């Protein structure tokens, strides 16, 4: 699921995500311990591995 976040320049925010099951009979894979965060446009915003987002422009 994708979301939208609006930040001003030099403003920061922490995002949180969690894995959910899409099928009741299947269990979550245990080898996927971390979620990955990224920005589609790193010139506008950067995201670190902890989910902290910082606006650049």
PDB file of N, CA and C in Angstrom:
ATOM      1  N   UNK A   1       0.846  -1.164   0.000  1.00  0.00           N
ATOM      2  CA  UNK A   1       0.000   0.000   0.000  1.00  0.00           C
ATOM      3  C   UNK A   1       0.893   1.229   0.000  1.00  0.00           C
ATOM      4  N   UNK A   2       0.567   2.176  -0.821  1.00  0.00           N
ATOM      5  CA  UNK A   2       1.325   3.413  -0.882  1.00  0.00           C
ATOM      6  C   UNK A   2       0.553   4.522  -0.205  1.00  0.00           C
ATOM      7  N   UNK A   3       1.282   5.503   0.291  1.00  0.00           N
ATOM      8  CA  UNK A   3       0.653   6.629   0.939  1.00  0.00           C
ATOM      9  C   UNK A   3       1.288   7.925   0.476  1.00  0.00           C
ATOM     10  N   UNK A   4       0.725   9.021   0.910  1.00  0.00           N
ATOM     11  CA  UNK A   4       1.219  10.337   0.541  1.00  0.00           C
ATOM     12  C   UNK A   4       1.542  11.105   1.809  1.00  0.00           C
ATOM     13  N   UNK A   5       2.664  11.811   1.780  1.00  0.00           N
ATOM     14  CA  UNK A   5       3.099  12.604   2.915  1.00  0.00           C
ATOM     15  C   UNK A   5       3.545  13.957   2.383  1.00  0.00           C
ATOM     16  N   UNK A   6       3.082  15.040   2.989  1.00  0.00           N
ATOM     17  CA  UNK A   6       3.476  16.381   2.577  1.00  0.00           C
ATOM     18  C   UNK A   6       4.321  17.001   3.677  1.00  0.00           C
ATOM     19  N   UNK A   7       5.546  17.403   3.316  1.00  0.00           N
ATOM     20  CA  UNK A   7       6.467  18.032   4.256  1.00  0.00           C
ATOM     21  C   UNK A   7       6.981  19.341   3.680  1.00  0.00           C
ATOM     22  N   UNK A   8       7.316  20.270   4.543  1.00  0.00           N
ATOM     23  CA  UNK A   8       7.977  21.502   4.112  1.00  0.00           C
ATOM     24  C   UNK A   8       9.484  21.258   4.091  1.00  0.00           C
ATOM     25  N   UNK A   9      10.215  22.184   3.499  1.00  0.00           N
ATOM     26  CA  UNK A   9      11.663  22.059   3.427  1.00  0.00           C
ATOM     27  C   UNK A   9      12.256  21.995   4.831  1.00  0.00           C
ATOM     28  N   UNK A  10      13.183  21.077   5.043  1.00  0.00           N
ATOM     29  CA  UNK A  10      13.873  20.836   6.316  1.00  0.00           C
ATOM     30  C   UNK A  10      12.950  20.326   7.421  1.00  0.00           C
ATOM     31  N   UNK A  11      11.762  19.902   7.088  1.00  0.00           N
ATOM     32  CA  UNK A  11      10.840  19.320   8.055  1.00  0.00           C
ATOM     33  C   UNK A  11      10.989  17.799   8.013  1.00  0.00           C
ATOM     34  N   UNK A  12      10.797  17.144   9.133  1.00  0.00           N
ATOM     35  CA  UNK A  12      10.945  15.697   9.186  1.00  0.00           C
ATOM     36  C   UNK A  12       9.756  15.017   9.838  1.00  0.00           C
ATOM     37  N   UNK A  13       9.662  13.717   9.601  1.00  0.00           N
ATOM     38  CA  UNK A  13       8.572  12.925  10.137  1.00  0.00           C
ATOM     39  C   UNK A  13       8.999  11.470  10.124  1.00  0.00           C
ATOM     40  N   UNK A  14       8.494  10.685  11.038  1.00  0.00           N
ATOM     41  CA  UNK A  14       8.773   9.254  11.020  1.00  0.00           C
ATOM     42  C   UNK A  14       7.520   8.513  10.583  1.00  0.00           C
ATOM     43  N   UNK A  15       7.692   7.613   9.613  1.00  0.00           N
ATOM     44  CA  UNK A  15       6.575   6.802   9.153  1.00  0.00           C
ATOM     45  C   UNK A  15       6.705   5.406   9.728  1.00  0.00           C
ATOM     46  N   UNK A  16       5.595   4.753   9.912  1.00  0.00           N
ATOM     47  CA  UNK A  16       5.589   3.391  10.443  1.00  0.00           C
ATOM     48  C   UNK A  16       4.806   2.505   9.490  1.00  0.00           C
ATOM     49  N   UNK A  17       5.281   1.296   9.338  1.00  0.00           N
ATOM     50  CA  UNK A  17       4.598   0.333   8.475  1.00  0.00           C
ATOM     51  C   UNK A  17       4.591  -1.015   9.177  1.00  0.00           C
ATOM     52  N   UNK A  18       3.636  -1.857   8.813  1.00  0.00           N
ATOM     53  CA  UNK A  18       3.632  -3.202   9.347  1.00  0.00           C
ATOM     54  C   UNK A  18       3.092  -4.143   8.278  1.00  0.00           C
ATOM     55  N   UNK A  19       3.543  -5.366   8.318  1.00  0.00           N
ATOM     56  CA  UNK A  19       3.103  -6.375   7.356  1.00  0.00           C
ATOM     57  C   UNK A  19       1.782  -6.971   7.818  1.00  0.00           C
ATOM     58  N   UNK A  20       0.881  -7.142   6.874  1.00  0.00           N
ATOM     59  CA  UNK A  20      -0.403  -7.773   7.183  1.00  0.00           C
ATOM     60  C   UNK A  20      -0.631  -8.926   6.217  1.00  0.00           C
ATOM     61  N   UNK A  21      -1.364  -9.898   6.665  1.00  0.00           N
ATOM     62  CA  UNK A  21      -1.667 -11.048   5.828  1.00  0.00           C
ATOM     63  C   UNK A  21      -2.779 -10.692   4.852  1.00  0.00           C
ATOM     64  N   UNK A  22      -2.615 -11.118   3.597  1.00  0.00           N
ATOM     65  CA  UNK A  22      -3.672 -10.897   2.617  1.00  0.00           C
ATOM     66  C   UNK A  22      -4.581 -12.113   2.508  1.00  0.00           C
ATOM     67  N   UNK A  23      -4.071 -13.262   2.918  1.00  0.00           N
ATOM     68  CA  UNK A  23      -4.881 -14.476   2.912  1.00  0.00           C
ATOM     69  C   UNK A  23      -4.847 -15.078   4.304  1.00  0.00           C
ATOM     70  N   UNK A  24      -5.989 -15.390   4.844  1.00  0.00           N
ATOM     71  CA  UNK A  24      -6.113 -15.847   6.224  1.00  0.00           C
ATOM     72  C   UNK A  24      -5.360 -17.160   6.457  1.00  0.00           C
ATOM     73  N   UNK A  25      -5.375 -18.063   5.507  1.00  0.00           N
ATOM     74  CA  UNK A  25      -4.770 -19.375   5.707  1.00  0.00           C
ATOM     75  C   UNK A  25      -3.250 -19.381   5.578  1.00  0.00           C
ATOM     76  N   UNK A  26      -2.670 -18.326   5.024  1.00  0.00           N
ATOM     77  CA  UNK A  26      -1.217 -18.251   4.880  1.00  0.00           C
ATOM     78  C   UNK A  26      -0.629 -17.474   6.049  1.00  0.00           C
ATOM     79  N   UNK A  27       0.567 -17.861   6.487  1.00  0.00           N
ATOM     80  CA  UNK A  27       1.215 -17.117   7.564  1.00  0.00           C
ATOM     81  C   UNK A  27       2.285 -16.196   6.986  1.00  0.00           C
ATOM     82  N   UNK A  28       2.658 -15.177   7.759  1.00  0.00           N
ATOM     83  CA  UNK A  28       3.691 -14.256   7.332  1.00  0.00           C
ATOM     84  C   UNK A  28       5.028 -14.975   7.281  1.00  0.00           C
ATOM     85  N   UNK A  29       5.840 -14.612   6.315  1.00  0.00           N
ATOM     86  CA  UNK A  29       7.158 -15.227   6.198  1.00  0.00           C
ATOM     87  C   UNK A  29       8.053 -14.725   7.329  1.00  0.00           C
ATOM     88  N   UNK A  30       8.663 -15.632   8.043  1.00  0.00           N
ATOM     89  CA  UNK A  30       9.468 -15.244   9.208  1.00  0.00           C
ATOM     90  C   UNK A  30      10.834 -14.699   8.814  1.00  0.00           C
ATOM     91  N   UNK A  31      11.294 -14.958   7.595  1.00  0.00           N
ATOM     92  CA  UNK A  31      12.619 -14.478   7.209  1.00  0.00           C
ATOM     93  C   UNK A  31      12.604 -13.021   6.743  1.00  0.00           C
ATOM     94  N   UNK A  32      11.452 -12.410   6.695  1.00  0.00           N
ATOM     95  CA  UNK A  32      11.367 -11.000   6.322  1.00  0.00           C
ATOM     96  C   UNK A  32      11.247 -10.188   7.606  1.00  0.00           C
ATOM     97  N   UNK A  33      12.386  -9.842   8.172  1.00  0.00           N
ATOM     98  CA  UNK A  33      12.392  -9.169   9.468  1.00  0.00           C
ATOM     99  C   UNK A  33      12.229  -7.655   9.352  1.00  0.00           C
ATOM    100  N   UNK A  34      12.723  -7.049   8.256  1.00  0.00           N
ATOM    101  CA  UNK A  34      12.699  -5.597   8.132  1.00  0.00           C
ATOM    102  C   UNK A  34      11.871  -5.168   6.936  1.00  0.00           C
ATOM    103  N   UNK A  35      11.310  -3.998   7.054  1.00  0.00           N
ATOM    104  CA  UNK A  35      10.646  -3.358   5.931  1.00  0.00           C
ATOM    105  C   UNK A  35      11.614  -2.348   5.332  1.00  0.00           C
ATOM    106  N   UNK A  36      11.500  -2.104   4.050  1.00  0.00           N
ATOM    107  CA  UNK A  36      12.389  -1.152   3.384  1.00  0.00           C
ATOM    108  C   UNK A  36      11.621   0.107   3.034  1.00  0.00           C
ATOM    109  N   UNK A  37      12.219   1.237   3.331  1.00  0.00           N
ATOM    110  CA  UNK A  37      11.636   2.536   3.028  1.00  0.00           C
ATOM    111  C   UNK A  37      12.451   3.184   1.915  1.00  0.00           C
ATOM    112  N   UNK A  38      11.777   3.926   1.032  1.00  0.00           N
ATOM    113  CA  UNK A  38      12.500   4.631  -0.016  1.00  0.00           C
ATOM    114  C   UNK A  38      11.683   5.826  -0.495  1.00  0.00           C
ATOM    115  N   UNK A  39      12.358   6.726  -1.173  1.00  0.00           N
ATOM    116  CA  UNK A  39      11.717   7.886  -1.775  1.00  0.00           C
ATOM    117  C   UNK A  39      11.823   7.753  -3.286  1.00  0.00           C
ATOM    118  N   UNK A  40      10.724   8.007  -3.993  1.00  0.00           N
ATOM    119  CA  UNK A  40      10.749   7.976  -5.454  1.00  0.00           C
ATOM    120  C   UNK A  40      11.618   9.093  -6.032  1.00  0.00           C
ATOM    121  N   UNK A  41      11.740  10.189  -5.307  1.00  0.00           N
ATOM    122  CA  UNK A  41      12.505  11.331  -5.785  1.00  0.00           C
ATOM    123  C   UNK A  41      13.382  11.840  -4.646  1.00  0.00           C
ATOM    124  N   UNK A  42      14.641  11.407  -4.610  1.00  0.00           N
ATOM    125  CA  UNK A  42      15.530  11.768  -3.498  1.00  0.00           C
ATOM    126  C   UNK A  42      15.950  13.232  -3.537  1.00  0.00           C
ATOM    127  N   UNK A  43      15.693  13.953  -4.622  1.00  0.00           N
ATOM    128  CA  UNK A  43      15.971  15.386  -4.662  1.00  0.00           C
ATOM    129  C   UNK A  43      14.920  16.161  -3.851  1.00  0.00           C
ATOM    130  N   UNK A  44      13.755  15.569  -3.652  1.00  0.00           N
ATOM    131  CA  UNK A  44      12.666  16.220  -2.923  1.00  0.00           C
ATOM    132  C   UNK A  44      12.624  15.769  -1.469  1.00  0.00           C
ATOM    133  N   UNK A  45      12.828  14.467  -1.223  1.00  0.00           N
ATOM    134  CA  UNK A  45      12.789  13.932   0.147  1.00  0.00           C
ATOM    135  C   UNK A  45      13.689  12.711   0.243  1.00  0.00           C
ATOM    136  N   UNK A  46      14.267  12.513   1.410  1.00  0.00           N
ATOM    137  CA  UNK A  46      15.094  11.329   1.669  1.00  0.00           C
ATOM    138  C   UNK A  46      14.496  10.570   2.845  1.00  0.00           C
ATOM    139  N   UNK A  47      14.696   9.262   2.837  1.00  0.00           N
ATOM    140  CA  UNK A  47      14.187   8.393   3.894  1.00  0.00           C
ATOM    141  C   UNK A  47      15.321   7.507   4.361  1.00  0.00           C
ATOM    142  N   UNK A  48      15.496   7.377   5.679  1.00  0.00           N
ATOM    143  CA  UNK A  48      16.525   6.471   6.172  1.00  0.00           C
ATOM    144  C   UNK A  48      15.920   5.108   6.489  1.00  0.00           C
ATOM    145  N   UNK A  49      16.740   4.182   6.921  1.00  0.00           N
ATOM    146  CA  UNK A  49      16.289   2.801   7.144  1.00  0.00           C
ATOM    147  C   UNK A  49      15.333   2.662   8.320  1.00  0.00           C
ATOM    148  N   UNK A  50      15.217   3.680   9.170  1.00  0.00           N
ATOM    149  CA  UNK A  50      14.289   3.649  10.300  1.00  0.00           C
ATOM    150  C   UNK A  50      12.933   4.254   9.969  1.00  0.00           C
ATOM    151  N   UNK A  51      12.755   4.734   8.730  1.00  0.00           N
ATOM    152  CA  UNK A  51      11.494   5.333   8.334  1.00  0.00           C
ATOM    153  C   UNK A  51      11.409   6.826   8.600  1.00  0.00           C
ATOM    154  N   UNK A  52      12.534   7.484   8.893  1.00  0.00           N
ATOM    155  CA  UNK A  52      12.537   8.921   9.096  1.00  0.00           C
ATOM    156  C   UNK A  52      12.619   9.614   7.734  1.00  0.00           C
ATOM    157  N   UNK A  53      11.641  10.478   7.458  1.00  0.00           N
ATOM    158  CA  UNK A  53      11.560  11.185   6.177  1.00  0.00           C
ATOM    159  C   UNK A  53      11.927  12.644   6.406  1.00  0.00           C
ATOM    160  N   UNK A  54      12.760  13.208   5.505  1.00  0.00           N
ATOM    161  CA  UNK A  54      13.163  14.607   5.604  1.00  0.00           C
ATOM    162  C   UNK A  54      12.921  15.288   4.264  1.00  0.00           C
ATOM    163  N   UNK A  55      12.204  16.417   4.287  1.00  0.00           N
ATOM    164  CA  UNK A  55      11.935  17.182   3.077  1.00  0.00           C
ATOM    165  C   UNK A  55      13.151  17.995   2.689  1.00  0.00           C
ATOM    166  N   UNK A  56      13.491  17.995   1.408  1.00  0.00           N
ATOM    167  CA  UNK A  56      14.640  18.758   0.918  1.00  0.00           C
ATOM    168  C   UNK A  56      14.214  19.983   0.119  1.00  0.00           C
ATOM    169  N   UNK A  57      13.195  19.858  -0.708  1.00  0.00           N
ATOM    170  CA  UNK A  57      12.754  20.981  -1.542  1.00  0.00           C
ATOM    171  C   UNK A  57      11.263  21.141  -1.443  1.00  0.00           C
TER     172      UNK A  57
END
